[in-house]
Amino acid sequence: MSPSDARIDQSFKQGTAFRFKRESGDQLWQQSYFDRILRREDDLGDVARYILQNPVAGGLCDDPASYPLSGGLYSHGAMAVGAEAPSLREGKEGV
């Protein structure tokens, strides 16, 4: 993450956290974050499945498809039935 990206991220989180705290009294963001860059050797299907399973892992639902904030191709389309996702790897279709 570049310094300017980090400043944009910090500004966004600060502004939204302030308003959310004022309106609800609750904390919106966790204290820090972990960013991850996808690399050529990463399997996008595995990454998509990991992301879709986050609400299940967090105890928010039993099935990713039932989570109201999931959506798009990977949750209700091809990945839901096990089709192969595009790849970042050279030489594979979808690059």
PDB file of N, CA and C in Angstrom:
ATOM      1  N   MET A   1       0.857  -1.171   0.000  1.00  0.00           N
ATOM      2  CA  MET A   1       0.000   0.000   0.000  1.00  0.00           C
ATOM      3  C   MET A   1       0.900   1.230   0.000  1.00  0.00           C
ATOM      4  N   SER A   2       0.634   2.133  -0.920  1.00  0.00           N
ATOM      5  CA  SER A   2       1.457   3.341  -0.996  1.00  0.00           C
ATOM      6  C   SER A   2       1.075   4.303   0.134  1.00  0.00           C
ATOM      7  N   PRO A   3       1.971   5.260   0.446  1.00  0.00           N
ATOM      8  CA  PRO A   3       1.642   6.234   1.502  1.00  0.00           C
ATOM      9  C   PRO A   3       0.353   7.001   1.227  1.00  0.00           C
ATOM     10  N   SER A   4       0.106   7.345  -0.049  1.00  0.00           N
ATOM     11  CA  SER A   4      -1.126   8.090  -0.344  1.00  0.00           C
ATOM     12  C   SER A   4      -2.354   7.199  -0.163  1.00  0.00           C
ATOM     13  N   ASP A   5      -2.238   5.909  -0.519  1.00  0.00           N
ATOM     14  CA  ASP A   5      -3.346   4.976  -0.292  1.00  0.00           C
ATOM     15  C   ASP A   5      -3.624   4.824   1.201  1.00  0.00           C
ATOM     16  N   ALA A   6      -2.566   4.746   1.981  1.00  0.00           N
ATOM     17  CA  ALA A   6      -2.728   4.608   3.434  1.00  0.00           C
ATOM     18  C   ALA A   6      -3.423   5.834   4.020  1.00  0.00           C
ATOM     19  N   ARG A   7      -3.094   7.016   3.514  1.00  0.00           N
ATOM     20  CA  ARG A   7      -3.743   8.246   4.003  1.00  0.00           C
ATOM     21  C   ARG A   7      -5.216   8.263   3.623  1.00  0.00           C
ATOM     22  N   ILE A   8      -5.532   7.841   2.404  1.00  0.00           N
ATOM     23  CA  ILE A   8      -6.929   7.792   1.968  1.00  0.00           C
ATOM     24  C   ILE A   8      -7.698   6.805   2.840  1.00  0.00           C
ATOM     25  N   ASP A   9      -7.108   5.629   3.064  1.00  0.00           N
ATOM     26  CA  ASP A   9      -7.724   4.612   3.905  1.00  0.00           C
ATOM     27  C   ASP A   9      -7.953   5.142   5.319  1.00  0.00           C
ATOM     28  N   GLN A  10      -6.945   5.771   5.879  1.00  0.00           N
ATOM     29  CA  GLN A  10      -7.055   6.309   7.242  1.00  0.00           C
ATOM     30  C   GLN A  10      -8.131   7.386   7.313  1.00  0.00           C
ATOM     31  N   SER A  11      -8.172   8.267   6.326  1.00  0.00           N
ATOM     32  CA  SER A  11      -9.163   9.343   6.317  1.00  0.00           C
ATOM     33  C   SER A  11     -10.583   8.780   6.218  1.00  0.00           C
ATOM     34  N   PHE A  12     -10.778   7.808   5.338  1.00  0.00           N
ATOM     35  CA  PHE A  12     -12.089   7.190   5.188  1.00  0.00           C
ATOM     36  C   PHE A  12     -12.531   6.520   6.484  1.00  0.00           C
ATOM     37  N   LYS A  13     -11.630   5.730   7.055  1.00  0.00           N
ATOM     38  CA  LYS A  13     -11.974   5.011   8.284  1.00  0.00           C
ATOM     39  C   LYS A  13     -12.238   5.972   9.435  1.00  0.00           C
ATOM     40  N   GLN A  14     -11.457   7.040   9.526  1.00  0.00           N
ATOM     41  CA  GLN A  14     -11.646   8.007  10.604  1.00  0.00           C
ATOM     42  C   GLN A  14     -13.010   8.686  10.484  1.00  0.00           C
ATOM     43  N   GLY A  15     -13.343   9.125   9.272  1.00  0.00           N
ATOM     44  CA  GLY A  15     -14.618   9.815   9.065  1.00  0.00           C
ATOM     45  C   GLY A  15     -15.821   8.925   9.317  1.00  0.00           C
ATOM     46  N   THR A  16     -15.777   7.701   8.781  1.00  0.00           N
ATOM     47  CA  THR A  16     -16.916   6.800   8.973  1.00  0.00           C
ATOM     48  C   THR A  16     -17.021   6.333  10.424  1.00  0.00           C
ATOM     49  N   ALA A  17     -15.871   6.114  11.070  1.00  0.00           N
ATOM     50  CA  ALA A  17     -15.885   5.668  12.471  1.00  0.00           C
ATOM     51  C   ALA A  17     -16.462   6.740  13.382  1.00  0.00           C
ATOM     52  N   PHE A  18     -16.101   7.999  13.133  1.00  0.00           N
ATOM     53  CA  PHE A  18     -16.608   9.101  13.962  1.00  0.00           C
ATOM     54  C   PHE A  18     -18.122   9.189  13.870  1.00  0.00           C
ATOM     55  N   ARG A  19     -18.631   9.154  12.638  1.00  0.00           N
ATOM     56  CA  ARG A  19     -20.079   9.281  12.463  1.00  0.00           C
ATOM     57  C   ARG A  19     -20.810   8.072  13.059  1.00  0.00           C
ATOM     58  N   PHE A  20     -20.281   6.868  12.822  1.00  0.00           N
ATOM     59  CA  PHE A  20     -20.907   5.662  13.344  1.00  0.00           C
ATOM     60  C   PHE A  20     -20.926   5.671  14.873  1.00  0.00           C
ATOM     61  N   LYS A  21     -19.824   6.069  15.481  1.00  0.00           N
ATOM     62  CA  LYS A  21     -19.731   6.121  16.953  1.00  0.00           C
ATOM     63  C   LYS A  21     -20.726   7.131  17.510  1.00  0.00           C
ATOM     64  N   ARG A  22     -20.827   8.279  16.853  1.00  0.00           N
ATOM     65  CA  ARG A  22     -21.752   9.326  17.300  1.00  0.00           C
ATOM     66  C   ARG A  22     -23.201   8.847  17.220  1.00  0.00           C
ATOM     67  N   GLU A  23     -23.543   8.110  16.147  1.00  0.00           N
ATOM     68  CA  GLU A  23     -24.921   7.682  15.951  1.00  0.00           C
ATOM     69  C   GLU A  23     -25.289   6.410  16.723  1.00  0.00           C
ATOM     70  N   SER A  24     -24.325   5.502  16.902  1.00  0.00           N
ATOM     71  CA  SER A  24     -24.670   4.215  17.503  1.00  0.00           C
ATOM     72  C   SER A  24     -24.012   3.975  18.860  1.00  0.00           C
ATOM     73  N   GLY A  25     -22.903   4.677  19.111  1.00  0.00           N
ATOM     74  CA  GLY A  25     -22.157   4.440  20.333  1.00  0.00           C
ATOM     75  C   GLY A  25     -21.201   3.259  20.244  1.00  0.00           C
ATOM     76  N   ASP A  26     -21.196   2.595  19.106  1.00  0.00           N
ATOM     77  CA  ASP A  26     -20.352   1.412  18.919  1.00  0.00           C
ATOM     78  C   ASP A  26     -19.121   1.732  18.077  1.00  0.00           C
ATOM     79  N   GLN A  27     -18.135   0.838  18.177  1.00  0.00           N
ATOM     80  CA  GLN A  27     -16.924   0.953  17.368  1.00  0.00           C
ATOM     81  C   GLN A  27     -17.187   0.298  16.017  1.00  0.00           C
ATOM     82  N   LEU A  28     -16.807   0.974  14.925  1.00  0.00           N
ATOM     83  CA  LEU A  28     -17.048   0.454  13.585  1.00  0.00           C
ATOM     84  C   LEU A  28     -15.908  -0.412  13.080  1.00  0.00           C
ATOM     85  N   TRP A  29     -14.686   0.025  13.267  1.00  0.00           N
ATOM     86  CA  TRP A  29     -13.520  -0.657  12.706  1.00  0.00           C
ATOM     87  C   TRP A  29     -12.691  -1.317  13.794  1.00  0.00           C
ATOM     88  N   GLN A  30     -12.040  -2.425  13.454  1.00  0.00           N
ATOM     89  CA  GLN A  30     -11.069  -3.004  14.375  1.00  0.00           C
ATOM     90  C   GLN A  30      -9.844  -2.097  14.407  1.00  0.00           C
ATOM     91  N   GLN A  31      -8.970  -2.296  15.361  1.00  0.00           N
ATOM     92  CA  GLN A  31      -7.838  -1.392  15.571  1.00  0.00           C
ATOM     93  C   GLN A  31      -6.864  -1.342  14.409  1.00  0.00           C
ATOM     94  N   SER A  32      -6.640  -2.412  13.737  1.00  0.00           N
ATOM     95  CA  SER A  32      -5.683  -2.439  12.645  1.00  0.00           C
ATOM     96  C   SER A  32      -6.295  -3.219  11.496  1.00  0.00           C
ATOM     97  N   TYR A  33      -5.521  -3.467  10.483  1.00  0.00           N
ATOM     98  CA  TYR A  33      -6.009  -4.265   9.378  1.00  0.00           C
ATOM     99  C   TYR A  33      -4.850  -5.019   8.753  1.00  0.00           C
ATOM    100  N   PHE A  34      -5.183  -6.024   7.978  1.00  0.00           N
ATOM    101  CA  PHE A  34      -4.188  -6.838   7.302  1.00  0.00           C
ATOM    102  C   PHE A  34      -4.516  -6.778   5.823  1.00  0.00           C
ATOM    103  N   ASP A  35      -3.638  -6.172   5.040  1.00  0.00           N
ATOM    104  CA  ASP A  35      -3.884  -6.154   3.605  1.00  0.00           C
ATOM    105  C   ASP A  35      -3.097  -7.280   2.954  1.00  0.00           C
ATOM    106  N   ARG A  36      -3.594  -7.756   1.869  1.00  0.00           N
ATOM    107  CA  ARG A  36      -2.985  -8.907   1.199  1.00  0.00           C
ATOM    108  C   ARG A  36      -2.973  -8.642  -0.290  1.00  0.00           C
ATOM    109  N   ILE A  37      -1.848  -8.807  -0.909  1.00  0.00           N
ATOM    110  CA  ILE A  37      -1.703  -8.642  -2.353  1.00  0.00           C
ATOM    111  C   ILE A  37      -1.791 -10.025  -2.988  1.00  0.00           C
ATOM    112  N   LEU A  38      -2.660 -10.156  -3.968  1.00  0.00           N
ATOM    113  CA  LEU A  38      -2.740 -11.423  -4.685  1.00  0.00           C
ATOM    114  C   LEU A  38      -1.526 -11.545  -5.596  1.00  0.00           C
ATOM    115  N   ARG A  39      -0.942 -12.713  -5.584  1.00  0.00           N
ATOM    116  CA  ARG A  39       0.227 -12.972  -6.415  1.00  0.00           C
ATOM    117  C   ARG A  39      -0.122 -13.980  -7.497  1.00  0.00           C
ATOM    118  N   ARG A  40       0.722 -14.065  -8.509  1.00  0.00           N
ATOM    119  CA  ARG A  40       0.465 -14.964  -9.641  1.00  0.00           C
ATOM    120  C   ARG A  40       0.222 -16.405  -9.197  1.00  0.00           C
ATOM    121  N   GLU A  41       0.907 -16.830  -8.149  1.00  0.00           N
ATOM    122  CA  GLU A  41       0.758 -18.225  -7.724  1.00  0.00           C
ATOM    123  C   GLU A  41      -0.515 -18.466  -6.915  1.00  0.00           C
ATOM    124  N   ASP A  42      -1.239 -17.414  -6.548  1.00  0.00           N
ATOM    125  CA  ASP A  42      -2.477 -17.570  -5.788  1.00  0.00           C
ATOM    126  C   ASP A  42      -3.589 -18.110  -6.686  1.00  0.00           C
ATOM    127  N   ASP A  43      -4.341 -19.049  -6.185  1.00  0.00           N
ATOM    128  CA  ASP A  43      -5.486 -19.578  -6.892  1.00  0.00           C
ATOM    129  C   ASP A  43      -6.687 -18.704  -6.536  1.00  0.00           C
ATOM    130  N   LEU A  44      -7.239 -18.028  -7.534  1.00  0.00           N
ATOM    131  CA  LEU A  44      -8.340 -17.082  -7.272  1.00  0.00           C
ATOM    132  C   LEU A  44      -9.585 -17.792  -6.739  1.00  0.00           C
ATOM    133  N   GLY A  45      -9.795 -19.029  -7.135  1.00  0.00           N
ATOM    134  CA  GLY A  45     -10.928 -19.786  -6.598  1.00  0.00           C
ATOM    135  C   GLY A  45     -10.791 -19.996  -5.101  1.00  0.00           C
ATOM    136  N   ASP A  46      -9.565 -20.341  -4.657  1.00  0.00           N
ATOM    137  CA  ASP A  46      -9.329 -20.518  -3.219  1.00  0.00           C
ATOM    138  C   ASP A  46      -9.529 -19.200  -2.474  1.00  0.00           C
ATOM    139  N   VAL A  47      -9.050 -18.102  -3.054  1.00  0.00           N
ATOM    140  CA  VAL A  47      -9.202 -16.791  -2.425  1.00  0.00           C
ATOM    141  C   VAL A  47     -10.683 -16.417  -2.335  1.00  0.00           C
ATOM    142  N   ALA A  48     -11.429 -16.635  -3.418  1.00  0.00           N
ATOM    143  CA  ALA A  48     -12.864 -16.317  -3.422  1.00  0.00           C
ATOM    144  C   ALA A  48     -13.609 -17.152  -2.383  1.00  0.00           C
ATOM    145  N   ARG A  49     -13.297 -18.456  -2.332  1.00  0.00           N
ATOM    146  CA  ARG A  49     -13.966 -19.312  -1.346  1.00  0.00           C
ATOM    147  C   ARG A  49     -13.635 -18.873   0.087  1.00  0.00           C
ATOM    148  N   TYR A  50     -12.388 -18.489   0.326  1.00  0.00           N
ATOM    149  CA  TYR A  50     -11.989 -18.011   1.653  1.00  0.00           C
ATOM    150  C   TYR A  50     -12.817 -16.771   2.038  1.00  0.00           C
ATOM    151  N   ILE A  51     -12.916 -15.830   1.117  1.00  0.00           N
ATOM    152  CA  ILE A  51     -13.671 -14.595   1.393  1.00  0.00           C
ATOM    153  C   ILE A  51     -15.144 -14.916   1.643  1.00  0.00           C
ATOM    154  N   LEU A  52     -15.721 -15.775   0.821  1.00  0.00           N
ATOM    155  CA  LEU A  52     -17.136 -16.113   0.975  1.00  0.00           C
ATOM    156  C   LEU A  52     -17.417 -16.860   2.275  1.00  0.00           C
ATOM    157  N   GLN A  53     -16.423 -17.577   2.798  1.00  0.00           N
ATOM    158  CA  GLN A  53     -16.597 -18.328   4.042  1.00  0.00           C
ATOM    159  C   GLN A  53     -16.424 -17.446   5.285  1.00  0.00           C
ATOM    160  N   ASN A  54     -15.949 -16.215   5.125  1.00  0.00           N
ATOM    161  CA  ASN A  54     -15.734 -15.346   6.290  1.00  0.00           C
ATOM    162  C   ASN A  54     -16.978 -15.171   7.161  1.00  0.00           C
ATOM    163  N   PRO A  55     -18.167 -14.919   6.597  1.00  0.00           N
ATOM    164  CA  PRO A  55     -19.348 -14.796   7.476  1.00  0.00           C
ATOM    165  C   PRO A  55     -19.666 -16.089   8.226  1.00  0.00           C
ATOM    166  N   VAL A  56     -19.390 -17.234   7.607  1.00  0.00           N
ATOM    167  CA  VAL A  56     -19.600 -18.517   8.275  1.00  0.00           C
ATOM    168  C   VAL A  56     -18.594 -18.658   9.415  1.00  0.00           C
ATOM    169  N   ALA A  57     -17.318 -18.373   9.124  1.00  0.00           N
ATOM    170  CA  ALA A  57     -16.271 -18.466  10.151  1.00  0.00           C
ATOM    171  C   ALA A  57     -16.540 -17.511  11.304  1.00  0.00           C
ATOM    172  N   GLY A  58     -17.151 -16.368  11.012  1.00  0.00           N
ATOM    173  CA  GLY A  58     -17.462 -15.390  12.049  1.00  0.00           C
ATOM    174  C   GLY A  58     -18.762 -15.676  12.787  1.00  0.00           C
ATOM    175  N   GLY A  59     -19.433 -16.754  12.436  1.00  0.00           N
ATOM    176  CA  GLY A  59     -20.671 -17.122  13.122  1.00  0.00           C
ATOM    177  C   GLY A  59     -21.880 -16.296  12.712  1.00  0.00           C
ATOM    178  N   LEU A  60     -21.806 -15.627  11.570  1.00  0.00           N
ATOM    179  CA  LEU A  60     -22.914 -14.774  11.136  1.00  0.00           C
ATOM    180  C   LEU A  60     -23.983 -15.541  10.365  1.00  0.00           C
ATOM    181  N   CYS A  61     -23.622 -16.713   9.840  1.00  0.00           N
ATOM    182  CA  CYS A  61     -24.565 -17.533   9.095  1.00  0.00           C
ATOM    183  C   CYS A  61     -24.011 -18.953   9.009  1.00  0.00           C
ATOM    184  N   ASP A  62     -24.842 -19.870   8.535  1.00  0.00           N
ATOM    185  CA  ASP A  62     -24.410 -21.258   8.372  1.00  0.00           C
ATOM    186  C   ASP A  62     -23.958 -21.550   6.947  1.00  0.00           C
ATOM    187  N   ASP A  63     -24.404 -20.731   6.014  1.00  0.00           N
ATOM    188  CA  ASP A  63     -24.115 -20.948   4.598  1.00  0.00           C
ATOM    189  C   ASP A  63     -23.824 -19.594   3.954  1.00  0.00           C
ATOM    190  N   PRO A  64     -22.714 -19.450   3.204  1.00  0.00           N
ATOM    191  CA  PRO A  64     -22.380 -18.152   2.618  1.00  0.00           C
ATOM    192  C   PRO A  64     -23.487 -17.584   1.730  1.00  0.00           C
ATOM    193  N   ALA A  65     -24.232 -18.435   1.042  1.00  0.00           N
ATOM    194  CA  ALA A  65     -25.303 -17.952   0.163  1.00  0.00           C
ATOM    195  C   ALA A  65     -26.438 -17.309   0.948  1.00  0.00           C
ATOM    196  N   SER A  66     -26.576 -17.643   2.226  1.00  0.00           N
ATOM    197  CA  SER A  66     -27.655 -17.064   3.030  1.00  0.00           C
ATOM    198  C   SER A  66     -27.255 -15.735   3.672  1.00  0.00           C
ATOM    199  N   TYR A  67     -25.980 -15.365   3.546  1.00  0.00           N
ATOM    200  CA  TYR A  67     -25.525 -14.107   4.136  1.00  0.00           C
ATOM    201  C   TYR A  67     -25.982 -12.957   3.236  1.00  0.00           C
ATOM    202  N   PRO A  68     -26.743 -12.010   3.754  1.00  0.00           N
ATOM    203  CA  PRO A  68     -27.359 -10.979   2.902  1.00  0.00           C
ATOM    204  C   PRO A  68     -26.373 -10.018   2.244  1.00  0.00           C
ATOM    205  N   LEU A  69     -25.144  -9.926   2.744  1.00  0.00           N
ATOM    206  CA  LEU A  69     -24.194  -8.981   2.158  1.00  0.00           C
ATOM    207  C   LEU A  69     -23.224  -9.640   1.193  1.00  0.00           C
ATOM    208  N   SER A  70     -23.443 -10.912   0.874  1.00  0.00           N
ATOM    209  CA  SER A  70     -22.614 -11.541  -0.149  1.00  0.00           C
ATOM    210  C   SER A  70     -23.342 -11.411  -1.475  1.00  0.00           C
ATOM    211  N   GLY A  71     -22.599 -11.466  -2.541  1.00  0.00           N
ATOM    212  CA  GLY A  71     -23.230 -11.359  -3.839  1.00  0.00           C
ATOM    213  C   GLY A  71     -22.225 -11.483  -4.960  1.00  0.00           C
ATOM    214  N   GLY A  72     -22.714 -11.412  -6.158  1.00  0.00           N
ATOM    215  CA  GLY A  72     -21.848 -11.443  -7.315  1.00  0.00           C
ATOM    216  C   GLY A  72     -21.641 -12.834  -7.869  1.00  0.00           C
ATOM    217  N   LEU A  73     -20.817 -12.910  -8.886  1.00  0.00           N
ATOM    218  CA  LEU A  73     -20.545 -14.134  -9.628  1.00  0.00           C
ATOM    219  C   LEU A  73     -20.091 -15.274  -8.736  1.00  0.00           C
ATOM    220  N   TYR A  74     -19.163 -15.000  -7.827  1.00  0.00           N
ATOM    221  CA  TYR A  74     -18.560 -16.088  -7.082  1.00  0.00           C
ATOM    222  C   TYR A  74     -19.448 -16.642  -5.985  1.00  0.00           C
ATOM    223  N   SER A  75     -20.361 -15.871  -5.475  1.00  0.00           N
ATOM    224  CA  SER A  75     -21.179 -16.422  -4.400  1.00  0.00           C
ATOM    225  C   SER A  75     -22.443 -17.091  -4.909  1.00  0.00           C
ATOM    226  N   HIS A  76     -23.012 -16.598  -5.982  1.00  0.00           N
ATOM    227  CA  HIS A  76     -24.284 -17.153  -6.438  1.00  0.00           C
ATOM    228  C   HIS A  76     -24.197 -17.725  -7.843  1.00  0.00           C
ATOM    229  N   GLY A  77     -23.028 -17.652  -8.441  1.00  0.00           N
ATOM    230  CA  GLY A  77     -22.866 -18.139  -9.806  1.00  0.00           C
ATOM    231  C   GLY A  77     -21.920 -19.294  -9.882  1.00  0.00           C
ATOM    232  N   ALA A  78     -20.900 -19.134 -10.683  1.00  0.00           N
ATOM    233  CA  ALA A  78     -19.994 -20.233 -11.009  1.00  0.00           C
ATOM    234  C   ALA A  78     -19.326 -20.845  -9.790  1.00  0.00           C
ATOM    235  N   MET A  79     -18.838 -20.049  -8.859  1.00  0.00           N
ATOM    236  CA  MET A  79     -18.108 -20.594  -7.711  1.00  0.00           C
ATOM    237  C   MET A  79     -19.041 -21.356  -6.775  1.00  0.00           C
ATOM    238  N   ALA A  80     -20.306 -20.995  -6.762  1.00  0.00           N
ATOM    239  CA  ALA A  80     -21.246 -21.684  -5.886  1.00  0.00           C
ATOM    240  C   ALA A  80     -21.431 -23.143  -6.305  1.00  0.00           C
ATOM    241  N   VAL A  81     -21.223 -23.432  -7.585  1.00  0.00           N
ATOM    242  CA  VAL A  81     -21.368 -24.803  -8.044  1.00  0.00           C
ATOM    243  C   VAL A  81     -20.023 -25.446  -8.338  1.00  0.00           C
ATOM    244  N   GLY A  82     -18.922 -24.775  -7.970  1.00  0.00           N
ATOM    245  CA  GLY A  82     -17.605 -25.382  -8.057  1.00  0.00           C
ATOM    246  C   GLY A  82     -16.856 -25.183  -9.351  1.00  0.00           C
ATOM    247  N   ALA A  83     -17.276 -24.301 -10.220  1.00  0.00           N
ATOM    248  CA  ALA A  83     -16.553 -24.056 -11.467  1.00  0.00           C
ATOM    249  C   ALA A  83     -15.214 -23.396 -11.178  1.00  0.00           C
ATOM    250  N   GLU A  84     -14.292 -23.496 -12.108  1.00  0.00           N
ATOM    251  CA  GLU A  84     -12.956 -22.944 -11.911  1.00  0.00           C
ATOM    252  C   GLU A  84     -12.976 -21.424 -12.090  1.00  0.00           C
ATOM    253  N   ALA A  85     -12.285 -20.731 -11.205  1.00  0.00           N
ATOM    254  CA  ALA A  85     -12.165 -19.275 -11.287  1.00  0.00           C
ATOM    255  C   ALA A  85     -11.022 -18.912 -12.211  1.00  0.00           C
ATOM    256  N   PRO A  86     -10.998 -17.665 -12.716  1.00  0.00           N
ATOM    257  CA  PRO A  86      -9.853 -17.216 -13.499  1.00  0.00           C
ATOM    258  C   PRO A  86      -8.587 -17.291 -12.655  1.00  0.00           C
ATOM    259  N   SER A  87      -7.449 -17.241 -13.294  1.00  0.00           N
ATOM    260  CA  SER A  87      -6.185 -17.369 -12.588  1.00  0.00           C
ATOM    261  C   SER A  87      -5.267 -16.198 -12.904  1.00  0.00           C
ATOM    262  N   LEU A  88      -4.390 -15.882 -11.970  1.00  0.00           N
ATOM    263  CA  LEU A  88      -3.347 -14.887 -12.203  1.00  0.00           C
ATOM    264  C   LEU A  88      -2.107 -15.535 -12.799  1.00  0.00           C
ATOM    265  N   ARG A  89      -2.066 -16.841 -12.824  1.00  0.00           N
ATOM    266  CA  ARG A  89      -0.901 -17.554 -13.313  1.00  0.00           C
ATOM    267  C   ARG A  89      -0.737 -17.382 -14.820  1.00  0.00           C
ATOM    268  N   GLU A  90       0.493 -17.225 -15.265  1.00  0.00           N
ATOM    269  CA  GLU A  90       0.760 -17.097 -16.697  1.00  0.00           C
ATOM    270  C   GLU A  90       0.374 -18.378 -17.401  1.00  0.00           C
ATOM    271  N   GLY A  91      -0.135 -18.213 -18.616  1.00  0.00           N
ATOM    272  CA  GLY A  91      -0.430 -19.377 -19.413  1.00  0.00           C
ATOM    273  C   GLY A  91      -1.788 -19.997 -19.143  1.00  0.00           C
ATOM    274  N   LYS A  92      -2.495 -19.532 -18.144  1.00  0.00           N
ATOM    275  CA  LYS A  92      -3.838 -20.086 -17.879  1.00  0.00           C
ATOM    276  C   LYS A  92      -4.874 -19.163 -18.470  1.00  0.00           C
ATOM    277  N   GLU A  93      -5.954 -19.731 -18.933  1.00  0.00           N
ATOM    278  CA  GLU A  93      -7.034 -18.948 -19.477  1.00  0.00           C
ATOM    279  C   GLU A  93      -7.555 -17.979 -18.433  1.00  0.00           C
ATOM    280  N   GLY A  94      -7.912 -16.763 -18.852  1.00  0.00           N
ATOM    281  CA  GLY A  94      -8.431 -15.772 -17.936  1.00  0.00           C
ATOM    282  C   GLY A  94      -7.392 -14.768 -17.491  1.00  0.00           C
ATOM    283  N   VAL A  95      -6.132 -14.943 -17.939  1.00  0.00           N
ATOM    284  CA  VAL A  95      -5.075 -14.006 -17.556  1.00  0.00           C
ATOM    285  C   VAL A  95      -5.135 -12.825 -18.475  1.00  0.00           C
TER     286      VAL A  95
END
